[in-house]
């Protein structure tokens, strides 16, 4: 009788754990199937909405002043912008290598690729600061025109996310398990994707 009660209790406990795990998975819905922590994908989606709103605002303002925006766009450094695009895309590739490494339990190799990703992130920020410096030296500031107000706000907000991404890369590299590395890489890919949209909209399209 005691053995039967013990067996019943164990089955009840296992059922409870199963229900709890199922409820946890259901709480995240389809996000549970994505790499990394589901909460990071909630953050990524919300950030994409914010950046999307910024770019829509920029596009709407350009429709209202096409000649002014075209003239101001010519004052941007497309070479620096293009170089930064290459830098970020390459850093995203390195983040992919880091994920592959941790899946093979190659922790040192993973940390090496994460470090390479972070170094290119720093290079991106340096190039961006040089670009800002050249604009300021030319007397082009936040209030110079609607174009440059939005330019500084959008690219500055993106640069802030690069800084945040660098911090996240450092944190996940300290505790390099698969979930952590995938979470850091997912955020970094969001940074890449946003810049791939920002660069043509601000620097190229007329």
N, C-alpha and C. Protein backbone atom coordinates (compact mmCIF):
# COMPACT_ATOMS: atom_id res chain seq x y z
N UNK A 1 0.84 -1.21 0.00
CA UNK A 1 0.00 0.00 0.00
C UNK A 1 0.87 1.25 0.00
N UNK A 2 1.94 1.21 0.84
CA UNK A 2 2.85 2.36 0.92
C UNK A 2 3.56 2.56 -0.40
N UNK A 3 3.96 1.41 -1.04
CA UNK A 3 4.63 1.51 -2.33
C UNK A 3 3.72 2.11 -3.38
N UNK A 4 2.44 1.73 -3.32
CA UNK A 4 1.46 2.26 -4.28
C UNK A 4 1.30 3.77 -4.09
N UNK A 5 1.22 4.20 -2.82
CA UNK A 5 1.07 5.63 -2.54
C UNK A 5 2.29 6.40 -3.02
N UNK A 6 3.50 5.81 -2.80
CA UNK A 6 4.73 6.46 -3.22
C UNK A 6 4.78 6.59 -4.73
N UNK A 7 4.38 5.51 -5.43
CA UNK A 7 4.36 5.53 -6.90
C UNK A 7 3.39 6.57 -7.42
N UNK A 8 2.22 6.65 -6.76
CA UNK A 8 1.21 7.64 -7.17
C UNK A 8 1.73 9.05 -6.97
N UNK A 9 2.43 9.26 -5.84
CA UNK A 9 2.97 10.59 -5.55
C UNK A 9 4.01 10.99 -6.58
N UNK A 10 4.89 10.03 -6.95
CA UNK A 10 5.92 10.31 -7.96
C UNK A 10 5.30 10.66 -9.29
N UNK A 11 4.27 9.90 -9.68
CA UNK A 11 3.59 10.18 -10.95
C UNK A 11 2.94 11.56 -10.91
N UNK A 12 2.40 11.91 -9.73
CA UNK A 12 1.77 13.23 -9.58
C UNK A 12 2.78 14.34 -9.71
N UNK A 13 3.98 14.13 -9.08
CA UNK A 13 5.04 15.13 -9.17
C UNK A 13 5.52 15.29 -10.60
N UNK A 14 5.69 14.14 -11.31
CA UNK A 14 6.15 14.21 -12.70
C UNK A 14 5.13 14.92 -13.57
N UNK A 15 3.85 14.64 -13.31
CA UNK A 15 2.79 15.29 -14.07
C UNK A 15 2.79 16.79 -13.81
N UNK A 16 3.04 17.17 -12.53
CA UNK A 16 3.08 18.58 -12.17
C UNK A 16 4.20 19.30 -12.88
N UNK A 17 5.40 18.65 -12.91
CA UNK A 17 6.55 19.25 -13.61
C UNK A 17 6.25 19.38 -15.09
N UNK A 18 5.62 18.34 -15.67
CA UNK A 18 5.29 18.36 -17.09
C UNK A 18 4.33 19.49 -17.41
N UNK A 19 3.31 19.66 -16.56
CA UNK A 19 2.33 20.72 -16.78
C UNK A 19 2.97 22.08 -16.65
N UNK A 20 3.87 22.23 -15.65
CA UNK A 20 4.56 23.51 -15.44
C UNK A 20 5.43 23.85 -16.63
N UNK A 21 6.18 22.85 -17.13
CA UNK A 21 7.05 23.09 -18.29
C UNK A 21 6.23 23.44 -19.51
N UNK A 22 5.11 22.74 -19.70
CA UNK A 22 4.24 23.00 -20.84
C UNK A 22 3.66 24.40 -20.76
N UNK A 23 3.27 24.79 -19.53
CA UNK A 23 2.70 26.14 -19.36
C UNK A 23 3.74 27.20 -19.64
N UNK A 24 5.02 26.92 -19.23
CA UNK A 24 6.09 27.88 -19.50
C UNK A 24 6.32 28.05 -20.98
N UNK A 25 6.28 26.93 -21.71
CA UNK A 25 6.49 26.99 -23.17
C UNK A 25 5.34 27.71 -23.84
N UNK A 26 4.09 27.40 -23.38
CA UNK A 26 2.92 28.03 -23.98
C UNK A 26 2.92 29.54 -23.76
N UNK A 27 3.51 29.98 -22.64
CA UNK A 27 3.53 31.41 -22.33
C UNK A 27 4.30 32.20 -23.38
N UNK A 28 5.33 31.58 -23.98
CA UNK A 28 6.13 32.26 -24.99
C UNK A 28 5.62 32.00 -26.41
N UNK A 29 4.72 31.04 -26.58
CA UNK A 29 4.19 30.75 -27.90
C UNK A 29 5.28 30.31 -28.86
N UNK A 30 5.26 30.87 -30.07
CA UNK A 30 6.22 30.51 -31.10
C UNK A 30 7.63 30.98 -30.81
N UNK A 31 7.78 31.94 -29.87
CA UNK A 31 9.12 32.46 -29.54
C UNK A 31 10.00 31.38 -28.93
N UNK A 32 9.36 30.37 -28.33
CA UNK A 32 10.12 29.31 -27.68
C UNK A 32 10.99 28.54 -28.68
N UNK A 33 10.56 28.51 -29.94
CA UNK A 33 11.29 27.75 -30.96
C UNK A 33 12.48 28.53 -31.53
N UNK A 34 12.57 29.83 -31.24
CA UNK A 34 13.64 30.66 -31.77
C UNK A 34 14.91 30.48 -30.95
N UNK A 35 16.09 30.70 -31.55
CA UNK A 35 17.34 30.55 -30.80
C UNK A 35 17.49 31.64 -29.74
N UNK A 36 18.12 31.29 -28.62
CA UNK A 36 18.31 32.26 -27.55
C UNK A 36 17.12 32.32 -26.62
N UNK A 37 17.14 33.30 -25.71
CA UNK A 37 16.06 33.44 -24.73
C UNK A 37 14.85 34.12 -25.38
N UNK A 38 13.65 33.61 -25.15
CA UNK A 38 12.45 34.21 -25.77
C UNK A 38 12.27 35.68 -25.43
N UNK A 39 12.66 36.08 -24.21
CA UNK A 39 12.50 37.48 -23.81
C UNK A 39 13.30 38.42 -24.71
N UNK A 40 14.45 37.94 -25.19
CA UNK A 40 15.26 38.75 -26.09
C UNK A 40 14.50 39.03 -27.38
N UNK A 41 13.71 38.06 -27.85
CA UNK A 41 12.96 38.26 -29.09
C UNK A 41 11.82 39.25 -28.89
N UNK A 42 11.27 39.30 -27.68
CA UNK A 42 10.27 40.33 -27.37
C UNK A 42 10.92 41.71 -27.47
N UNK A 43 12.14 41.83 -26.90
CA UNK A 43 12.88 43.09 -26.97
C UNK A 43 13.21 43.44 -28.41
N UNK A 44 13.68 42.46 -29.18
CA UNK A 44 14.05 42.71 -30.57
C UNK A 44 12.85 43.20 -31.38
N UNK A 45 11.72 42.55 -31.22
CA UNK A 45 10.52 42.96 -31.96
C UNK A 45 10.10 44.37 -31.60
N UNK A 46 10.18 44.71 -30.31
CA UNK A 46 9.80 46.06 -29.88
C UNK A 46 10.78 47.10 -30.43
N UNK A 47 12.07 46.76 -30.47
CA UNK A 47 13.06 47.69 -31.01
C UNK A 47 12.88 47.87 -32.51
N UNK A 48 12.53 46.82 -33.21
CA UNK A 48 12.28 46.93 -34.65
C UNK A 48 11.09 47.84 -34.94
N UNK A 49 10.08 47.79 -34.07
CA UNK A 49 8.93 48.69 -34.22
C UNK A 49 9.36 50.14 -34.06
N UNK A 50 10.22 50.39 -33.06
CA UNK A 50 10.70 51.76 -32.81
C UNK A 50 11.51 52.27 -34.00
N UNK A 51 12.45 51.47 -34.46
CA UNK A 51 13.27 51.88 -35.61
C UNK A 51 12.41 52.04 -36.87
N UNK A 52 11.43 51.17 -37.02
CA UNK A 52 10.52 51.30 -38.16
C UNK A 52 9.77 52.61 -38.13
N UNK A 53 9.34 53.03 -36.94
CA UNK A 53 8.64 54.31 -36.79
C UNK A 53 9.56 55.47 -37.14
N UNK A 54 10.83 55.37 -36.71
CA UNK A 54 11.81 56.41 -37.04
C UNK A 54 11.98 56.54 -38.55
N UNK A 55 12.14 55.42 -39.23
CA UNK A 55 12.38 55.44 -40.67
C UNK A 55 11.14 55.90 -41.44
N UNK A 56 9.96 55.55 -40.96
CA UNK A 56 8.73 56.04 -41.59
C UNK A 56 8.61 57.54 -41.42
N UNK A 57 8.98 58.04 -40.24
CA UNK A 57 8.97 59.49 -40.00
C UNK A 57 9.94 60.19 -40.94
N UNK A 58 11.13 59.62 -41.10
CA UNK A 58 12.13 60.18 -42.00
C UNK A 58 11.60 60.22 -43.43
N UNK A 59 11.00 59.12 -43.87
CA UNK A 59 10.48 59.04 -45.24
C UNK A 59 9.35 60.03 -45.47
N UNK A 60 8.48 60.18 -44.47
CA UNK A 60 7.37 61.13 -44.58
C UNK A 60 7.89 62.56 -44.65
N UNK A 61 8.91 62.87 -43.84
CA UNK A 61 9.49 64.21 -43.86
C UNK A 61 10.16 64.49 -45.19
N UNK A 62 10.77 63.49 -45.80
CA UNK A 62 11.42 63.66 -47.10
C UNK A 62 10.39 63.95 -48.19
N UNK A 63 9.23 63.31 -48.09
CA UNK A 63 8.16 63.59 -49.06
C UNK A 63 7.73 65.05 -48.97
N UNK A 64 7.74 65.59 -47.75
CA UNK A 64 7.34 66.99 -47.56
C UNK A 64 8.39 67.99 -48.01
N UNK A 65 9.66 67.58 -48.08
CA UNK A 65 10.73 68.50 -48.49
C UNK A 65 11.78 67.74 -49.31
N UNK A 66 11.40 67.28 -50.50
CA UNK A 66 12.32 66.44 -51.29
C UNK A 66 13.61 67.15 -51.69
N UNK A 67 13.52 68.41 -52.08
CA UNK A 67 14.72 69.12 -52.52
C UNK A 67 15.67 69.38 -51.35
N UNK A 68 15.11 69.76 -50.20
CA UNK A 68 15.94 70.00 -49.02
C UNK A 68 16.64 68.73 -48.55
N UNK A 69 15.92 67.62 -48.55
CA UNK A 69 16.50 66.35 -48.12
C UNK A 69 17.57 65.89 -49.11
N UNK A 70 17.32 66.09 -50.41
CA UNK A 70 18.30 65.69 -51.43
C UNK A 70 19.59 66.48 -51.28
N UNK A 71 19.46 67.78 -51.00
CA UNK A 71 20.64 68.62 -50.83
C UNK A 71 21.43 68.23 -49.59
N UNK A 72 20.72 67.97 -48.49
CA UNK A 72 21.40 67.57 -47.25
C UNK A 72 22.03 66.19 -47.36
N UNK A 73 21.39 65.31 -48.12
CA UNK A 73 21.92 63.96 -48.28
C UNK A 73 23.28 63.98 -48.96
N UNK A 74 23.49 64.94 -49.86
CA UNK A 74 24.76 65.05 -50.56
C UNK A 74 25.90 65.43 -49.62
N UNK A 75 25.56 65.93 -48.43
CA UNK A 75 26.57 66.32 -47.45
C UNK A 75 26.99 65.16 -46.55
N UNK A 76 26.35 64.01 -46.73
CA UNK A 76 26.74 62.82 -45.97
C UNK A 76 27.93 62.14 -46.64
N UNK A 77 28.69 61.41 -45.85
CA UNK A 77 29.84 60.67 -46.37
C UNK A 77 29.40 59.23 -46.66
N UNK A 78 29.11 58.96 -47.93
CA UNK A 78 28.63 57.63 -48.29
C UNK A 78 29.72 56.57 -48.17
N UNK A 79 30.97 57.00 -48.32
CA UNK A 79 32.08 56.04 -48.19
C UNK A 79 32.14 55.52 -46.76
N UNK A 80 32.06 56.45 -45.79
CA UNK A 80 32.07 56.04 -44.38
C UNK A 80 30.84 55.18 -44.06
N UNK A 81 29.69 55.59 -44.59
CA UNK A 81 28.48 54.82 -44.35
C UNK A 81 28.57 53.43 -44.94
N UNK A 82 29.11 53.34 -46.16
CA UNK A 82 29.28 52.04 -46.80
C UNK A 82 30.29 51.17 -46.08
N UNK A 83 31.38 51.80 -45.62
CA UNK A 83 32.40 51.06 -44.87
C UNK A 83 31.81 50.49 -43.58
N UNK A 84 31.00 51.30 -42.91
CA UNK A 84 30.37 50.82 -41.68
C UNK A 84 29.40 49.67 -41.95
N UNK A 85 28.78 49.70 -43.11
CA UNK A 85 27.89 48.59 -43.49
C UNK A 85 28.67 47.29 -43.62
N UNK A 86 29.82 47.36 -44.29
CA UNK A 86 30.68 46.18 -44.44
C UNK A 86 31.17 45.69 -43.08
N UNK A 87 31.55 46.65 -42.22
CA UNK A 87 32.06 46.30 -40.89
C UNK A 87 31.00 45.56 -40.08
N UNK A 88 29.77 46.08 -40.07
CA UNK A 88 28.71 45.45 -39.28
C UNK A 88 28.31 44.09 -39.84
N UNK A 89 28.21 43.99 -41.16
CA UNK A 89 27.84 42.70 -41.76
C UNK A 89 28.91 41.64 -41.47
N UNK A 90 30.17 42.05 -41.50
CA UNK A 90 31.25 41.12 -41.17
C UNK A 90 31.18 40.70 -39.71
N UNK A 91 30.87 41.65 -38.84
CA UNK A 91 30.75 41.33 -37.41
C UNK A 91 29.60 40.34 -37.19
N UNK A 92 28.53 40.49 -37.96
CA UNK A 92 27.41 39.55 -37.85
C UNK A 92 27.82 38.15 -38.26
N UNK A 93 28.68 38.05 -39.28
CA UNK A 93 29.20 36.75 -39.71
C UNK A 93 30.04 36.12 -38.60
N UNK A 94 30.84 36.94 -37.93
CA UNK A 94 31.65 36.43 -36.82
C UNK A 94 30.77 35.93 -35.68
N UNK A 95 29.64 36.61 -35.45
CA UNK A 95 28.70 36.16 -34.41
C UNK A 95 28.12 34.79 -34.77
N UNK A 96 27.88 34.56 -36.06
CA UNK A 96 27.41 33.24 -36.51
C UNK A 96 28.47 32.18 -36.21
N UNK A 97 29.73 32.51 -36.47
CA UNK A 97 30.82 31.57 -36.18
C UNK A 97 30.89 31.25 -34.69
N UNK A 98 30.62 32.26 -33.86
CA UNK A 98 30.63 32.05 -32.40
C UNK A 98 29.56 31.06 -31.99
N UNK A 99 28.38 31.18 -32.58
CA UNK A 99 27.29 30.26 -32.27
C UNK A 99 27.65 28.84 -32.70
N UNK A 100 28.23 28.70 -33.90
CA UNK A 100 28.65 27.38 -34.37
C UNK A 100 29.69 26.78 -33.42
N UNK A 101 30.60 27.62 -32.93
CA UNK A 101 31.65 27.13 -32.04
C UNK A 101 31.08 26.61 -30.72
N UNK A 102 30.14 27.35 -30.13
CA UNK A 102 29.58 26.92 -28.85
C UNK A 102 28.74 25.66 -29.02
N UNK A 103 28.14 25.48 -30.18
CA UNK A 103 27.39 24.25 -30.44
C UNK A 103 28.31 23.03 -30.48
N UNK A 104 29.58 23.28 -30.76
CA UNK A 104 30.58 22.21 -30.77
C UNK A 104 31.34 22.15 -29.45
N UNK A 105 30.85 22.92 -28.46
CA UNK A 105 31.49 22.99 -27.14
C UNK A 105 32.92 23.53 -27.20
N UNK A 106 33.21 24.32 -28.23
CA UNK A 106 34.53 24.95 -28.37
C UNK A 106 34.47 26.34 -27.75
N UNK A 107 34.59 26.38 -26.42
CA UNK A 107 34.38 27.63 -25.68
C UNK A 107 35.41 28.69 -26.04
N UNK A 108 36.69 28.31 -26.10
CA UNK A 108 37.73 29.29 -26.42
C UNK A 108 37.53 29.87 -27.82
N UNK A 109 37.20 29.01 -28.76
CA UNK A 109 36.95 29.48 -30.13
C UNK A 109 35.74 30.40 -30.17
N UNK A 110 34.71 30.04 -29.41
CA UNK A 110 33.51 30.88 -29.32
C UNK A 110 33.86 32.27 -28.79
N UNK A 111 34.63 32.29 -27.71
CA UNK A 111 35.03 33.58 -27.13
C UNK A 111 35.87 34.39 -28.10
N UNK A 112 36.70 33.70 -28.88
CA UNK A 112 37.51 34.40 -29.88
C UNK A 112 36.66 35.07 -30.94
N UNK A 113 35.64 34.37 -31.43
CA UNK A 113 34.74 34.95 -32.43
C UNK A 113 33.90 36.08 -31.82
N UNK A 114 33.51 35.92 -30.56
CA UNK A 114 32.77 36.99 -29.89
C UNK A 114 33.64 38.24 -29.74
N UNK A 115 34.91 38.02 -29.41
CA UNK A 115 35.84 39.15 -29.30
C UNK A 115 36.01 39.84 -30.64
N UNK A 116 36.12 39.05 -31.72
CA UNK A 116 36.24 39.63 -33.06
C UNK A 116 34.99 40.42 -33.43
N UNK A 117 33.83 39.90 -33.04
CA UNK A 117 32.57 40.61 -33.28
C UNK A 117 32.57 41.95 -32.56
N UNK A 118 33.00 41.93 -31.29
CA UNK A 118 33.02 43.15 -30.49
C UNK A 118 34.02 44.17 -31.04
N UNK A 119 35.17 43.69 -31.49
CA UNK A 119 36.18 44.60 -32.05
C UNK A 119 35.62 45.35 -33.26
N UNK A 120 34.92 44.63 -34.12
CA UNK A 120 34.32 45.29 -35.29
C UNK A 120 33.20 46.24 -34.86
N UNK A 121 32.51 45.91 -33.78
CA UNK A 121 31.51 46.83 -33.25
C UNK A 121 32.15 48.13 -32.80
N UNK A 122 33.31 48.03 -32.17
CA UNK A 122 34.05 49.22 -31.74
C UNK A 122 34.53 50.01 -32.95
N UNK A 123 35.00 49.29 -33.98
CA UNK A 123 35.42 49.96 -35.22
C UNK A 123 34.25 50.74 -35.82
N UNK A 124 33.07 50.14 -35.81
CA UNK A 124 31.87 50.83 -36.31
C UNK A 124 31.66 52.14 -35.56
N UNK A 125 31.75 52.09 -34.23
CA UNK A 125 31.52 53.29 -33.43
C UNK A 125 32.57 54.36 -33.70
N UNK A 126 33.81 53.94 -33.89
CA UNK A 126 34.88 54.90 -34.18
C UNK A 126 34.61 55.61 -35.51
N UNK A 127 34.24 54.84 -36.52
CA UNK A 127 33.92 55.43 -37.83
C UNK A 127 32.74 56.39 -37.70
N UNK A 128 31.75 55.99 -36.92
CA UNK A 128 30.56 56.84 -36.73
C UNK A 128 30.94 58.14 -36.04
N UNK A 129 31.79 58.05 -35.02
CA UNK A 129 32.22 59.26 -34.31
C UNK A 129 33.03 60.17 -35.22
N UNK A 130 33.86 59.59 -36.08
CA UNK A 130 34.61 60.40 -37.05
C UNK A 130 33.66 61.11 -38.01
N UNK A 131 32.61 60.41 -38.40
CA UNK A 131 31.62 61.01 -39.29
C UNK A 131 30.89 62.15 -38.60
N UNK A 132 30.49 61.93 -37.35
CA UNK A 132 29.85 63.00 -36.57
C UNK A 132 30.78 64.19 -36.42
N UNK A 133 32.05 63.90 -36.14
CA UNK A 133 33.03 64.97 -35.93
C UNK A 133 33.19 65.83 -37.18
N UNK A 134 33.23 65.18 -38.34
CA UNK A 134 33.37 65.94 -39.59
C UNK A 134 32.15 66.82 -39.84
N UNK A 135 30.98 66.34 -39.47
CA UNK A 135 29.76 67.13 -39.64
C UNK A 135 29.77 68.34 -38.71
N UNK A 136 30.14 68.10 -37.47
CA UNK A 136 30.16 69.19 -36.49
C UNK A 136 31.20 70.24 -36.88
N UNK A 137 32.36 69.79 -37.36
CA UNK A 137 33.40 70.73 -37.82
C UNK A 137 32.91 71.57 -38.99
N UNK A 138 32.01 71.00 -39.78
CA UNK A 138 31.45 71.73 -40.93
C UNK A 138 30.25 72.59 -40.52
N UNK A 139 29.96 72.63 -39.23
CA UNK A 139 28.85 73.44 -38.75
C UNK A 139 27.49 72.79 -38.89
N UNK A 140 27.47 71.49 -39.09
CA UNK A 140 26.21 70.77 -39.26
C UNK A 140 25.85 70.09 -37.94
N UNK A 141 24.81 70.60 -37.29
CA UNK A 141 24.41 70.07 -36.00
C UNK A 141 23.00 69.50 -36.00
N UNK A 142 22.53 69.21 -34.80
CA UNK A 142 21.22 68.59 -34.63
C UNK A 142 20.09 69.48 -35.15
N UNK A 143 20.29 70.80 -35.08
CA UNK A 143 19.23 71.73 -35.46
C UNK A 143 19.46 72.39 -36.81
N UNK A 144 20.40 71.87 -37.58
CA UNK A 144 20.70 72.48 -38.88
C UNK A 144 19.54 72.37 -39.86
N UNK A 145 18.84 71.25 -39.82
CA UNK A 145 17.69 71.03 -40.70
C UNK A 145 16.92 69.82 -40.19
N UNK A 146 15.72 69.64 -40.74
CA UNK A 146 14.94 68.45 -40.35
C UNK A 146 15.69 67.18 -40.72
N UNK A 147 16.34 67.20 -41.89
CA UNK A 147 17.11 66.03 -42.32
C UNK A 147 18.14 65.65 -41.28
N UNK A 148 18.94 66.63 -40.85
CA UNK A 148 20.02 66.30 -39.92
C UNK A 148 19.52 66.05 -38.50
N UNK A 149 18.39 66.63 -38.14
CA UNK A 149 17.79 66.28 -36.85
C UNK A 149 17.47 64.80 -36.81
N UNK A 150 16.81 64.32 -37.87
CA UNK A 150 16.45 62.91 -37.94
C UNK A 150 17.68 62.03 -38.14
N UNK A 151 18.64 62.52 -38.91
CA UNK A 151 19.89 61.77 -39.13
C UNK A 151 20.59 61.49 -37.80
N UNK A 152 20.77 62.55 -37.00
CA UNK A 152 21.46 62.37 -35.72
C UNK A 152 20.64 61.49 -34.76
N UNK A 153 19.33 61.67 -34.74
CA UNK A 153 18.49 60.89 -33.83
C UNK A 153 18.51 59.40 -34.19
N UNK A 154 18.33 59.11 -35.48
CA UNK A 154 18.25 57.70 -35.90
C UNK A 154 19.60 57.00 -35.78
N UNK A 155 20.64 57.62 -36.33
CA UNK A 155 21.96 56.97 -36.28
C UNK A 155 22.52 56.97 -34.85
N UNK A 156 22.19 58.00 -34.07
CA UNK A 156 22.64 58.02 -32.68
C UNK A 156 21.95 56.94 -31.85
N UNK A 157 20.65 56.76 -32.09
CA UNK A 157 19.90 55.71 -31.39
C UNK A 157 20.45 54.34 -31.77
N UNK A 158 20.81 54.19 -33.02
CA UNK A 158 21.40 52.92 -33.46
C UNK A 158 22.77 52.71 -32.81
N UNK A 159 23.58 53.77 -32.76
CA UNK A 159 24.90 53.66 -32.13
C UNK A 159 24.78 53.28 -30.65
N UNK A 160 23.74 53.81 -29.99
CA UNK A 160 23.49 53.44 -28.59
C UNK A 160 23.23 51.94 -28.47
N UNK A 161 22.52 51.39 -29.43
CA UNK A 161 22.26 49.95 -29.42
C UNK A 161 23.53 49.14 -29.69
N UNK A 162 24.44 49.71 -30.47
CA UNK A 162 25.73 49.04 -30.67
C UNK A 162 26.48 48.96 -29.35
N UNK A 163 26.47 50.06 -28.59
CA UNK A 163 27.11 50.08 -27.27
C UNK A 163 26.47 49.03 -26.36
N UNK A 164 25.14 48.99 -26.35
CA UNK A 164 24.43 47.99 -25.55
C UNK A 164 24.79 46.57 -26.01
N UNK A 165 24.90 46.39 -27.32
CA UNK A 165 25.25 45.09 -27.86
C UNK A 165 26.65 44.66 -27.44
N UNK A 166 27.58 45.61 -27.39
CA UNK A 166 28.94 45.30 -26.95
C UNK A 166 28.93 44.81 -25.51
N UNK A 167 28.13 45.48 -24.67
CA UNK A 167 28.01 45.04 -23.28
C UNK A 167 27.44 43.64 -23.18
N UNK A 168 26.42 43.37 -23.99
CA UNK A 168 25.79 42.05 -23.98
C UNK A 168 26.75 40.97 -24.46
N UNK A 169 27.53 41.28 -25.50
CA UNK A 169 28.52 40.31 -25.99
C UNK A 169 29.53 39.96 -24.90
N UNK A 170 29.93 40.99 -24.15
CA UNK A 170 30.87 40.75 -23.05
C UNK A 170 30.28 39.85 -21.98
N UNK A 171 29.02 40.11 -21.63
CA UNK A 171 28.36 39.33 -20.58
C UNK A 171 28.21 37.86 -20.98
N UNK A 172 27.70 37.63 -22.20
CA UNK A 172 27.48 36.23 -22.61
C UNK A 172 28.79 35.49 -22.83
N UNK A 173 29.86 36.24 -23.10
CA UNK A 173 31.17 35.59 -23.27
C UNK A 173 31.73 35.11 -21.94
N UNK A 174 31.30 35.74 -20.85
CA UNK A 174 31.74 35.30 -19.52
C UNK A 174 31.08 33.98 -19.14
N UNK A 175 29.80 33.84 -19.53
CA UNK A 175 29.06 32.60 -19.27
C UNK A 175 28.60 32.02 -20.61
N UNK A 176 29.54 31.42 -21.35
CA UNK A 176 29.24 31.00 -22.73
C UNK A 176 28.54 29.65 -22.85
N UNK A 177 27.24 29.63 -22.59
CA UNK A 177 26.47 28.44 -22.94
C UNK A 177 25.66 28.75 -24.21
N UNK A 178 25.02 27.75 -24.78
CA UNK A 178 24.35 27.92 -26.07
C UNK A 178 23.27 28.99 -26.02
N UNK A 179 22.44 28.97 -24.98
CA UNK A 179 21.35 29.95 -24.88
C UNK A 179 21.90 31.36 -24.80
N UNK A 180 22.92 31.57 -23.97
CA UNK A 180 23.50 32.91 -23.82
C UNK A 180 24.11 33.42 -25.11
N UNK A 181 24.89 32.58 -25.77
CA UNK A 181 25.56 33.01 -27.01
C UNK A 181 24.53 33.28 -28.10
N UNK A 182 23.53 32.43 -28.21
CA UNK A 182 22.48 32.67 -29.20
C UNK A 182 21.71 33.95 -28.89
N UNK A 183 21.51 34.24 -27.61
CA UNK A 183 20.81 35.46 -27.22
C UNK A 183 21.61 36.70 -27.62
N UNK A 184 22.91 36.68 -27.31
CA UNK A 184 23.77 37.80 -27.69
C UNK A 184 23.85 37.97 -29.20
N UNK A 185 23.96 36.85 -29.91
CA UNK A 185 24.05 36.91 -31.37
C UNK A 185 22.76 37.43 -31.98
N UNK A 186 21.62 37.04 -31.41
CA UNK A 186 20.33 37.51 -31.94
C UNK A 186 20.22 39.03 -31.83
N UNK A 187 20.62 39.58 -30.69
CA UNK A 187 20.58 41.04 -30.52
C UNK A 187 21.53 41.72 -31.51
N UNK A 188 22.70 41.13 -31.69
CA UNK A 188 23.67 41.72 -32.61
C UNK A 188 23.16 41.68 -34.06
N UNK A 189 22.50 40.61 -34.43
CA UNK A 189 21.93 40.53 -35.78
C UNK A 189 20.83 41.57 -35.98
N UNK A 190 20.11 41.88 -34.90
CA UNK A 190 19.10 42.95 -34.99
C UNK A 190 19.78 44.28 -35.30
N UNK A 191 20.92 44.53 -34.65
CA UNK A 191 21.69 45.75 -34.90
C UNK A 191 22.13 45.79 -36.37
N UNK A 192 22.61 44.66 -36.88
CA UNK A 192 23.01 44.57 -38.29
C UNK A 192 21.84 44.89 -39.21
N UNK A 193 20.72 44.24 -38.95
CA UNK A 193 19.55 44.37 -39.83
C UNK A 193 19.04 45.80 -39.86
N UNK A 194 19.01 46.44 -38.69
CA UNK A 194 18.54 47.83 -38.64
C UNK A 194 19.45 48.73 -39.46
N UNK A 195 20.78 48.54 -39.35
CA UNK A 195 21.69 49.38 -40.12
C UNK A 195 21.54 49.15 -41.62
N UNK A 196 21.29 47.91 -42.01
CA UNK A 196 21.09 47.60 -43.43
C UNK A 196 19.87 48.35 -43.97
N UNK A 197 18.91 48.67 -43.11
CA UNK A 197 17.76 49.49 -43.51
C UNK A 197 18.08 50.97 -43.42
N UNK A 198 18.78 51.37 -42.36
CA UNK A 198 19.09 52.79 -42.14
C UNK A 198 20.00 53.33 -43.25
N UNK A 199 21.02 52.57 -43.62
CA UNK A 199 22.00 53.07 -44.59
C UNK A 199 21.37 53.47 -45.93
N UNK A 200 20.61 52.61 -46.59
CA UNK A 200 20.03 53.04 -47.86
C UNK A 200 18.97 54.13 -47.72
N UNK A 201 18.15 54.05 -46.67
CA UNK A 201 17.08 55.05 -46.50
C UNK A 201 17.66 56.44 -46.30
N UNK A 202 18.69 56.57 -45.48
CA UNK A 202 19.24 57.90 -45.16
C UNK A 202 20.32 58.32 -46.15
N UNK A 203 21.18 57.40 -46.54
CA UNK A 203 22.34 57.76 -47.35
C UNK A 203 22.12 57.68 -48.86
N UNK A 204 21.22 56.81 -49.32
CA UNK A 204 21.15 56.52 -50.75
C UNK A 204 19.85 56.91 -51.43
N UNK A 205 18.72 56.53 -50.85
CA UNK A 205 17.43 56.76 -51.51
C UNK A 205 17.11 58.24 -51.61
N UNK A 206 16.48 58.61 -52.73
CA UNK A 206 16.11 60.01 -52.95
C UNK A 206 14.61 60.12 -53.20
